[in-house]
Amino acid sequence: MVASSVLDELARGVDLVNVSLGRVAIKAVGDSKLDLASYVCKGARSTVPLHGARAVASAIEELPAGIPAIETAGDLFDPKGVYWAFWLRARTRADGTAVASFWVANASFEAVWINPVWHGLGYPVASQRDRIAAQLKQTILNMKALPASVFEISDQAIYRDFGLVLGWRAHLRSRRGFVLAVGLTWGVCLASNAFFASGLFGRLCPHLAQRLRPAVEVSLDAFQVVERYLVAADTAITEEGHQ
């Protein structure tokens, strides 16, 4: 078994020399997934290799609506001396902001035959790309593990790390529900006010009508104030979405 392994190494073994290995881990929050992707694509202030940054940014841009979170990974390998890999966890928050945590590792290297005879005969070492890639992947796996807190992207973790809470837009996620709620409440108030104004309720229950009329009028006035506020908030969301 040992002899077979030694013979295999002599026949097809490849060694990696002049290896340079690096890794960066980042957690970031953006006003939207596009803002976050743009920040990452530009290299996150030159801390992330651009080839890896573009792959991470592309995954963030494609965050599907309605999905709580995604995790994805990828790598790129060139047997002539370039290898990089990334891992990403990202999600869109209830207020429309986006958060991502990821790492990117990159390596430069030179691959050489263990048996110099193959080099002398002119056989390309790149023919052993699977062996080279496997060695590089294992090298990255052997790197010191990152703290688990780096990959936490819950609302609690974002508040802990950045002091950011969910914005008010989180409470107005359903524009359709907002419109229906406003319409229904407005209709109930108008119907109640019309019922009182008709005098029918007053004739049927004069004492109760006298007690309830002020409360209905106050409720109607209060709802008008709340309606103006909600409409203004909804308008702000619409204008922000067009910018």
C-alpha atoms as a PDB file:
ATOM      1  CA  MET A   1       0.000   0.000   0.000  1.00  0.00           C
ATOM      2  CA  VAL A   2       2.823   2.368   0.936  1.00  0.00           C
ATOM      3  CA  ALA A   3       4.845   1.336  -2.090  1.00  0.00           C
ATOM      4  CA  SER A   4       1.831   1.936  -4.313  1.00  0.00           C
ATOM      5  CA  SER A   5       1.401   5.411  -2.851  1.00  0.00           C
ATOM      6  CA  VAL A   6       5.069   6.255  -3.366  1.00  0.00           C
ATOM      7  CA  LEU A   7       4.955   5.031  -6.953  1.00  0.00           C
ATOM      8  CA  ASP A   8       1.823   7.082  -7.579  1.00  0.00           C
ATOM      9  CA  GLU A   9       3.522  10.208  -6.250  1.00  0.00           C
ATOM     10  CA  LEU A  10       6.550   9.586  -8.451  1.00  0.00           C
ATOM     11  CA  ALA A  11       4.308   9.017 -11.447  1.00  0.00           C
ATOM     12  CA  ARG A  12       1.836  11.859 -11.032  1.00  0.00           C
ATOM     13  CA  GLY A  13       2.777  13.732  -7.862  1.00  0.00           C
ATOM     14  CA  VAL A  14       2.844  17.526  -7.879  1.00  0.00           C
ATOM     15  CA  ASP A  15       4.335  19.865  -5.313  1.00  0.00           C
ATOM     16  CA  LEU A  16       3.333  23.497  -4.697  1.00  0.00           C
ATOM     17  CA  VAL A  17       6.105  26.020  -4.088  1.00  0.00           C
ATOM     18  CA  ASN A  18       6.230  29.781  -3.557  1.00  0.00           C
ATOM     19  CA  VAL A  19       2.733  29.628  -2.088  1.00  0.00           C
ATOM     20  CA  SER A  20       1.174  32.903  -0.946  1.00  0.00           C
ATOM     21  CA  LEU A  21      -2.133  32.537   0.875  1.00  0.00           C
ATOM     22  CA  GLY A  22      -4.511  35.179   2.210  1.00  0.00           C
ATOM     23  CA  ARG A  23      -8.041  35.416   3.539  1.00  0.00           C
ATOM     24  CA  VAL A  24     -10.344  38.283   4.456  1.00  0.00           C
ATOM     25  CA  ALA A  25     -13.687  38.106   6.276  1.00  0.00           C
ATOM     26  CA  ILE A  26     -16.255  40.907   6.128  1.00  0.00           C
ATOM     27  CA  LYS A  27     -19.705  41.631   7.528  1.00  0.00           C
ATOM     28  CA  ALA A  28     -21.535  44.600   6.019  1.00  0.00           C
ATOM     29  CA  VAL A  29     -24.985  46.214   5.887  1.00  0.00           C
ATOM     30  CA  GLY A  30     -26.385  48.231   2.969  1.00  0.00           C
ATOM     31  CA  ASP A  31     -29.494  50.372   2.473  1.00  0.00           C
ATOM     32  CA  SER A  32     -30.484  47.833  -0.187  1.00  0.00           C
ATOM     33  CA  LYS A  33     -29.031  44.712  -1.743  1.00  0.00           C
ATOM     34  CA  LEU A  34     -27.846  46.780  -4.715  1.00  0.00           C
ATOM     35  CA  ASP A  35     -26.030  49.246  -2.449  1.00  0.00           C
ATOM     36  CA  LEU A  36     -24.396  46.384  -0.591  1.00  0.00           C
ATOM     37  CA  ALA A  37     -23.437  44.614  -3.825  1.00  0.00           C
ATOM     38  CA  SER A  38     -21.925  47.825  -5.183  1.00  0.00           C
ATOM     39  CA  TYR A  39     -19.796  48.248  -2.063  1.00  0.00           C
ATOM     40  CA  VAL A  40     -18.535  44.670  -2.277  1.00  0.00           C
ATOM     41  CA  CYS A  41     -17.967  44.782  -6.042  1.00  0.00           C
ATOM     42  CA  LYS A  42     -15.618  47.724  -5.600  1.00  0.00           C
ATOM     43  CA  GLY A  43     -13.479  45.574  -3.340  1.00  0.00           C
ATOM     44  CA  ALA A  44     -14.965  46.696  -0.005  1.00  0.00           C
ATOM     45  CA  ARG A  45     -12.497  49.570   0.237  1.00  0.00           C
ATOM     46  CA  SER A  46      -9.710  47.513  -1.351  1.00  0.00           C
ATOM     47  CA  THR A  47      -9.810  44.794   1.312  1.00  0.00           C
ATOM     48  CA  VAL A  48     -11.189  42.075  -0.982  1.00  0.00           C
ATOM     49  CA  PRO A  49      -9.477  40.809  -4.181  1.00  0.00           C
ATOM     50  CA  LEU A  50     -11.560  42.080  -7.075  1.00  0.00           C
ATOM     51  CA  HIS A  51     -12.074  38.683  -8.726  1.00  0.00           C
ATOM     52  CA  GLY A  52     -13.575  37.327  -5.517  1.00  0.00           C
ATOM     53  CA  ALA A  53     -15.457  40.548  -4.788  1.00  0.00           C
ATOM     54  CA  ARG A  54     -17.302  40.387  -8.101  1.00  0.00           C
ATOM     55  CA  ALA A  55     -18.487  36.842  -7.453  1.00  0.00           C
ATOM     56  CA  VAL A  56     -19.755  37.763  -3.974  1.00  0.00           C
ATOM     57  CA  ALA A  57     -21.436  40.934  -5.262  1.00  0.00           C
ATOM     58  CA  SER A  58     -23.216  38.984  -7.990  1.00  0.00           C
ATOM     59  CA  ALA A  59     -24.646  36.566  -5.417  1.00  0.00           C
ATOM     60  CA  ILE A  60     -25.868  39.484  -3.265  1.00  0.00           C
ATOM     61  CA  GLU A  61     -27.549  41.167  -6.240  1.00  0.00           C
ATOM     62  CA  GLU A  62     -29.475  37.969  -6.942  1.00  0.00           C
ATOM     63  CA  LEU A  63     -30.901  37.705  -3.416  1.00  0.00           C
ATOM     64  CA  PRO A  64     -34.443  36.406  -4.039  1.00  0.00           C
ATOM     65  CA  ALA A  65     -37.373  38.255  -2.490  1.00  0.00           C
ATOM     66  CA  GLY A  66     -39.145  36.443   0.304  1.00  0.00           C
ATOM     67  CA  ILE A  67     -36.222  34.127   1.105  1.00  0.00           C
ATOM     68  CA  PRO A  68     -35.058  34.521   4.745  1.00  0.00           C
ATOM     69  CA  ALA A  69     -31.388  33.933   3.932  1.00  0.00           C
ATOM     70  CA  ILE A  70     -29.033  32.276   1.464  1.00  0.00           C
ATOM     71  CA  GLU A  71     -25.665  30.604   1.722  1.00  0.00           C
ATOM     72  CA  THR A  72     -23.460  30.003  -1.279  1.00  0.00           C
ATOM     73  CA  ALA A  73     -19.853  29.223  -2.073  1.00  0.00           C
ATOM     74  CA  GLY A  74     -17.599  29.077  -5.097  1.00  0.00           C
ATOM     75  CA  ASP A  75     -14.029  29.007  -6.314  1.00  0.00           C
ATOM     76  CA  LEU A  76     -11.882  29.608  -9.381  1.00  0.00           C
ATOM     77  CA  PHE A  77      -8.752  27.726 -10.245  1.00  0.00           C
ATOM     78  CA  ASP A  78      -6.010  28.285 -12.782  1.00  0.00           C
ATOM     79  CA  PRO A  79      -3.218  25.666 -12.590  1.00  0.00           C
ATOM     80  CA  LYS A  80      -0.788  28.298 -13.818  1.00  0.00           C
ATOM     81  CA  GLY A  81      -0.783  29.857 -10.356  1.00  0.00           C
ATOM     82  CA  VAL A  82      -4.112  31.388  -9.275  1.00  0.00           C
ATOM     83  CA  TYR A  83      -6.759  30.061  -6.922  1.00  0.00           C
ATOM     84  CA  TRP A  84      -9.480  31.791  -4.925  1.00  0.00           C
ATOM     85  CA  ALA A  85     -12.570  30.681  -3.047  1.00  0.00           C
ATOM     86  CA  PHE A  86     -15.419  32.394  -1.251  1.00  0.00           C
ATOM     87  CA  TRP A  87     -18.279  31.616   1.126  1.00  0.00           C
ATOM     88  CA  LEU A  88     -21.257  33.915   1.609  1.00  0.00           C
ATOM     89  CA  ARG A  89     -24.288  34.212   3.872  1.00  0.00           C
ATOM     90  CA  ALA A  90     -26.709  37.037   3.086  1.00  0.00           C
ATOM     91  CA  ARG A  91     -30.297  38.171   3.537  1.00  0.00           C
ATOM     92  CA  THR A  92     -32.660  41.076   2.986  1.00  0.00           C
ATOM     93  CA  ARG A  93     -34.058  42.505   6.236  1.00  0.00           C
ATOM     94  CA  ALA A  94     -37.678  43.463   6.907  1.00  0.00           C
ATOM     95  CA  ASP A  95     -36.999  47.164   6.304  1.00  0.00           C
ATOM     96  CA  GLY A  96     -35.422  46.593   2.880  1.00  0.00           C
ATOM     97  CA  THR A  97     -31.804  46.818   4.032  1.00  0.00           C
ATOM     98  CA  ALA A  98     -29.442  43.945   3.211  1.00  0.00           C
ATOM     99  CA  VAL A  99     -26.747  42.267   5.267  1.00  0.00           C
ATOM    100  CA  ALA A 100     -24.009  39.870   4.253  1.00  0.00           C
ATOM    101  CA  SER A 101     -21.182  38.025   5.901  1.00  0.00           C
ATOM    102  CA  PHE A 102     -18.519  36.398   3.763  1.00  0.00           C
ATOM    103  CA  TRP A 103     -14.922  35.391   3.438  1.00  0.00           C
ATOM    104  CA  VAL A 104     -12.672  35.334   0.401  1.00  0.00           C
ATOM    105  CA  ALA A 105      -9.418  33.374   0.299  1.00  0.00           C
ATOM    106  CA  ASN A 106      -6.867  33.652  -2.477  1.00  0.00           C
ATOM    107  CA  ALA A 107      -3.620  31.880  -3.229  1.00  0.00           C
ATOM    108  CA  SER A 108      -0.803  32.295  -5.680  1.00  0.00           C
ATOM    109  CA  PHE A 109       1.558  29.390  -6.238  1.00  0.00           C
ATOM    110  CA  GLU A 110       3.875  27.554  -8.568  1.00  0.00           C
ATOM    111  CA  ALA A 111       3.207  23.889  -9.324  1.00  0.00           C
ATOM    112  CA  VAL A 112       6.178  21.595 -10.030  1.00  0.00           C
ATOM    113  CA  TRP A 113       6.552  17.881 -10.668  1.00  0.00           C
ATOM    114  CA  ILE A 114       7.818  15.831  -7.731  1.00  0.00           C
ATOM    115  CA  ASN A 115       9.588  13.642 -10.260  1.00  0.00           C
ATOM    116  CA  PRO A 116      11.800  16.002 -12.311  1.00  0.00           C
ATOM    117  CA  VAL A 117      11.882  13.465 -15.147  1.00  0.00           C
ATOM    118  CA  TRP A 118       8.414  14.598 -16.279  1.00  0.00           C
ATOM    119  CA  HIS A 119       9.570  18.194 -16.399  1.00  0.00           C
ATOM    120  CA  GLY A 120      12.605  17.136 -18.419  1.00  0.00           C
ATOM    121  CA  LEU A 121      10.359  15.302 -20.866  1.00  0.00           C
ATOM    122  CA  GLY A 122       8.180  18.394 -21.257  1.00  0.00           C
ATOM    123  CA  TYR A 123       4.969  17.058 -19.731  1.00  0.00           C
ATOM    124  CA  PRO A 124       2.823  20.001 -18.555  1.00  0.00           C
ATOM    125  CA  VAL A 125       2.256  20.030 -14.813  1.00  0.00           C
ATOM    126  CA  ALA A 126      -1.151  21.621 -15.502  1.00  0.00           C
ATOM    127  CA  SER A 127      -2.355  18.173 -16.563  1.00  0.00           C
ATOM    128  CA  GLN A 128      -2.629  17.400 -12.843  1.00  0.00           C
ATOM    129  CA  ARG A 129      -5.096  20.239 -12.194  1.00  0.00           C
ATOM    130  CA  ASP A 130      -7.361  18.051 -10.002  1.00  0.00           C
ATOM    131  CA  ARG A 131      -4.485  17.189  -7.672  1.00  0.00           C
ATOM    132  CA  ILE A 132      -3.364  20.809  -7.515  1.00  0.00           C
ATOM    133  CA  ALA A 133      -6.877  22.064  -6.791  1.00  0.00           C
ATOM    134  CA  ALA A 134      -7.356  19.450  -4.066  1.00  0.00           C
ATOM    135  CA  GLN A 135      -4.142  20.530  -2.329  1.00  0.00           C
ATOM    136  CA  LEU A 136      -5.177  24.182  -2.415  1.00  0.00           C
ATOM    137  CA  LYS A 137      -8.666  23.486  -1.077  1.00  0.00           C
ATOM    138  CA  GLN A 138      -7.204  21.473   1.769  1.00  0.00           C
ATOM    139  CA  THR A 139      -4.756  24.267   2.536  1.00  0.00           C
ATOM    140  CA  ILE A 140      -7.628  26.734   2.915  1.00  0.00           C
ATOM    141  CA  LEU A 141      -9.573  24.277   5.079  1.00  0.00           C
ATOM    142  CA  ASN A 142      -6.534  23.985   7.335  1.00  0.00           C
ATOM    143  CA  MET A 143      -6.495  27.713   8.022  1.00  0.00           C
ATOM    144  CA  LYS A 144      -7.512  28.861  11.483  1.00  0.00           C
ATOM    145  CA  ALA A 145     -11.279  28.813  11.913  1.00  0.00           C
ATOM    146  CA  LEU A 146     -12.999  32.199  12.013  1.00  0.00           C
ATOM    147  CA  PRO A 147     -15.141  33.127  15.063  1.00  0.00           C
ATOM    148  CA  ALA A 148     -18.775  32.058  14.734  1.00  0.00           C
ATOM    149  CA  SER A 149     -19.887  35.638  15.469  1.00  0.00           C
ATOM    150  CA  VAL A 150     -18.451  36.685  12.088  1.00  0.00           C
ATOM    151  CA  PHE A 151     -21.210  34.773  10.330  1.00  0.00           C
ATOM    152  CA  GLU A 152     -24.160  35.892  12.487  1.00  0.00           C
ATOM    153  CA  ILE A 153     -26.477  38.153  10.493  1.00  0.00           C
ATOM    154  CA  SER A 154     -29.627  38.149  12.620  1.00  0.00           C
ATOM    155  CA  ASP A 155     -31.212  41.472  13.580  1.00  0.00           C
ATOM    156  CA  GLN A 156     -29.815  40.993  17.081  1.00  0.00           C
ATOM    157  CA  ALA A 157     -26.309  40.460  15.701  1.00  0.00           C
ATOM    158  CA  ILE A 158     -26.563  43.554  13.503  1.00  0.00           C
ATOM    159  CA  TYR A 159     -27.616  45.638  16.500  1.00  0.00           C
ATOM    160  CA  ARG A 160     -24.763  44.179  18.563  1.00  0.00           C
ATOM    161  CA  ASP A 161     -22.096  44.766  15.930  1.00  0.00           C
ATOM    162  CA  PHE A 162     -23.299  47.993  14.283  1.00  0.00           C
ATOM    163  CA  GLY A 163     -25.923  49.462  16.617  1.00  0.00           C
ATOM    164  CA  LEU A 164     -28.490  49.346  13.799  1.00  0.00           C
ATOM    165  CA  VAL A 165     -32.154  48.609  14.454  1.00  0.00           C
ATOM    166  CA  LEU A 166     -34.843  47.882  11.869  1.00  0.00           C
ATOM    167  CA  GLY A 167     -36.135  51.036  10.169  1.00  0.00           C
ATOM    168  CA  TRP A 168     -39.752  52.164  10.189  1.00  0.00           C
ATOM    169  CA  ARG A 169     -40.252  50.660   6.734  1.00  0.00           C
ATOM    170  CA  ALA A 170     -40.260  47.231   8.386  1.00  0.00           C
ATOM    171  CA  HIS A 171     -43.743  48.039   9.687  1.00  0.00           C
ATOM    172  CA  LEU A 172     -45.063  48.945   6.248  1.00  0.00           C
ATOM    173  CA  ARG A 173     -43.889  45.918   4.277  1.00  0.00           C
ATOM    174  CA  SER A 174     -47.280  45.247   2.685  1.00  0.00           C
ATOM    175  CA  ARG A 175     -48.367  48.237   0.606  1.00  0.00           C
ATOM    176  CA  ARG A 176     -51.527  46.380  -0.382  1.00  0.00           C
ATOM    177  CA  GLY A 177     -52.347  45.605   3.232  1.00  0.00           C
ATOM    178  CA  PHE A 178     -51.732  49.230   4.103  1.00  0.00           C
ATOM    179  CA  VAL A 179     -54.181  50.461   1.465  1.00  0.00           C
ATOM    180  CA  LEU A 180     -56.814  47.923   2.482  1.00  0.00           C
ATOM    181  CA  ALA A 181     -56.462  48.808   6.158  1.00  0.00           C
ATOM    182  CA  VAL A 182     -56.790  52.536   5.451  1.00  0.00           C
ATOM    183  CA  GLY A 183     -59.807  52.001   3.217  1.00  0.00           C
ATOM    184  CA  LEU A 184     -61.562  49.663   5.612  1.00  0.00           C
ATOM    185  CA  THR A 185     -61.046  51.888   8.644  1.00  0.00           C
ATOM    186  CA  TRP A 186     -62.082  54.979   6.720  1.00  0.00           C
ATOM    187  CA  GLY A 187     -65.212  53.213   5.520  1.00  0.00           C
ATOM    188  CA  VAL A 188     -66.168  52.128   9.038  1.00  0.00           C
ATOM    189  CA  CYS A 189     -65.694  55.659  10.371  1.00  0.00           C
ATOM    190  CA  LEU A 190     -67.747  57.212   7.565  1.00  0.00           C
ATOM    191  CA  ALA A 191     -70.498  54.631   7.940  1.00  0.00           C
ATOM    192  CA  SER A 192     -70.650  55.193  11.676  1.00  0.00           C
ATOM    193  CA  ASN A 193     -70.728  58.957  11.264  1.00  0.00           C
ATOM    194  CA  ALA A 194     -73.462  58.711   8.611  1.00  0.00           C
ATOM    195  CA  PHE A 195     -75.497  56.425  10.852  1.00  0.00           C
ATOM    196  CA  PHE A 196     -75.365  58.938  13.651  1.00  0.00           C
ATOM    197  CA  ALA A 197     -76.048  61.864  11.305  1.00  0.00           C
ATOM    198  CA  SER A 198     -79.191  60.186   9.967  1.00  0.00           C
ATOM    199  CA  GLY A 199     -80.803  60.374  13.388  1.00  0.00           C
ATOM    200  CA  LEU A 200     -81.980  56.769  13.141  1.00  0.00           C
ATOM    201  CA  PHE A 201     -79.708  55.544  15.924  1.00  0.00           C
ATOM    202  CA  GLY A 202     -80.721  58.548  18.030  1.00  0.00           C
ATOM    203  CA  ARG A 203     -84.356  57.639  17.737  1.00  0.00           C
ATOM    204  CA  LEU A 204     -83.732  53.974  18.517  1.00  0.00           C
ATOM    205  CA  CYS A 205     -81.293  54.424  21.406  1.00  0.00           C
ATOM    206  CA  PRO A 206     -81.270  58.108  22.379  1.00  0.00           C
ATOM    207  CA  HIS A 207     -79.283  57.735  25.588  1.00  0.00           C
ATOM    208  CA  LEU A 208     -76.598  55.499  24.052  1.00  0.00           C
ATOM    209  CA  ALA A 209     -76.350  57.721  20.967  1.00  0.00           C
ATOM    210  CA  GLN A 210     -75.745  60.774  23.114  1.00  0.00           C
ATOM    211  CA  ARG A 211     -72.854  59.019  24.875  1.00  0.00           C
ATOM    212  CA  LEU A 212     -71.265  57.482  21.769  1.00  0.00           C
ATOM    213  CA  ARG A 213     -71.432  60.435  19.354  1.00  0.00           C
ATOM    214  CA  PRO A 214     -68.458  62.356  20.883  1.00  0.00           C
ATOM    215  CA  ALA A 215     -66.339  59.199  20.861  1.00  0.00           C
ATOM    216  CA  VAL A 216     -67.108  58.529  17.182  1.00  0.00           C
ATOM    217  CA  GLU A 217     -66.319  62.130  16.232  1.00  0.00           C
ATOM    218  CA  VAL A 218     -63.023  62.042  18.128  1.00  0.00           C
ATOM    219  CA  SER A 219     -62.138  58.684  16.505  1.00  0.00           C
ATOM    220  CA  LEU A 220     -62.862  60.108  13.068  1.00  0.00           C
ATOM    221  CA  ASP A 221     -60.644  63.152  13.695  1.00  0.00           C
ATOM    222  CA  ALA A 222     -57.857  60.956  15.083  1.00  0.00           C
ATOM    223  CA  PHE A 223     -58.020  58.609  12.115  1.00  0.00           C
ATOM    224  CA  GLN A 224     -57.719  61.529   9.709  1.00  0.00           C
ATOM    225  CA  VAL A 225     -54.458  62.516  11.419  1.00  0.00           C
ATOM    226  CA  VAL A 226     -53.135  58.943  11.322  1.00  0.00           C
ATOM    227  CA  GLU A 227     -54.195  58.595   7.691  1.00  0.00           C
ATOM    228  CA  ARG A 228     -52.245  61.716   6.687  1.00  0.00           C
ATOM    229  CA  TYR A 229     -49.159  60.367   8.457  1.00  0.00           C
ATOM    230  CA  LEU A 230     -49.402  56.940   6.823  1.00  0.00           C
ATOM    231  CA  VAL A 231     -49.996  58.424   3.382  1.00  0.00           C
ATOM    232  CA  ALA A 232     -46.944  60.657   3.835  1.00  0.00           C
ATOM    233  CA  ALA A 233     -44.875  57.633   4.904  1.00  0.00           C
ATOM    234  CA  ASP A 234     -46.103  55.615   1.922  1.00  0.00           C
ATOM    235  CA  THR A 235     -45.235  58.509  -0.407  1.00  0.00           C
ATOM    236  CA  ALA A 236     -41.744  58.634   1.084  1.00  0.00           C
ATOM    237  CA  ILE A 237     -41.247  54.923   0.367  1.00  0.00           C
ATOM    238  CA  THR A 238     -42.408  55.404  -3.225  1.00  0.00           C
ATOM    239  CA  GLU A 239     -40.102  58.370  -3.814  1.00  0.00           C
ATOM    240  CA  GLU A 240     -37.148  56.529  -2.273  1.00  0.00           C
ATOM    241  CA  GLY A 241     -37.786  53.560  -4.518  1.00  0.00           C
ATOM    242  CA  HIS A 242     -37.640  55.779  -7.613  1.00  0.00           C
ATOM    243  CA  GLN A 243     -34.318  57.366  -6.650  1.00  0.00           C
END
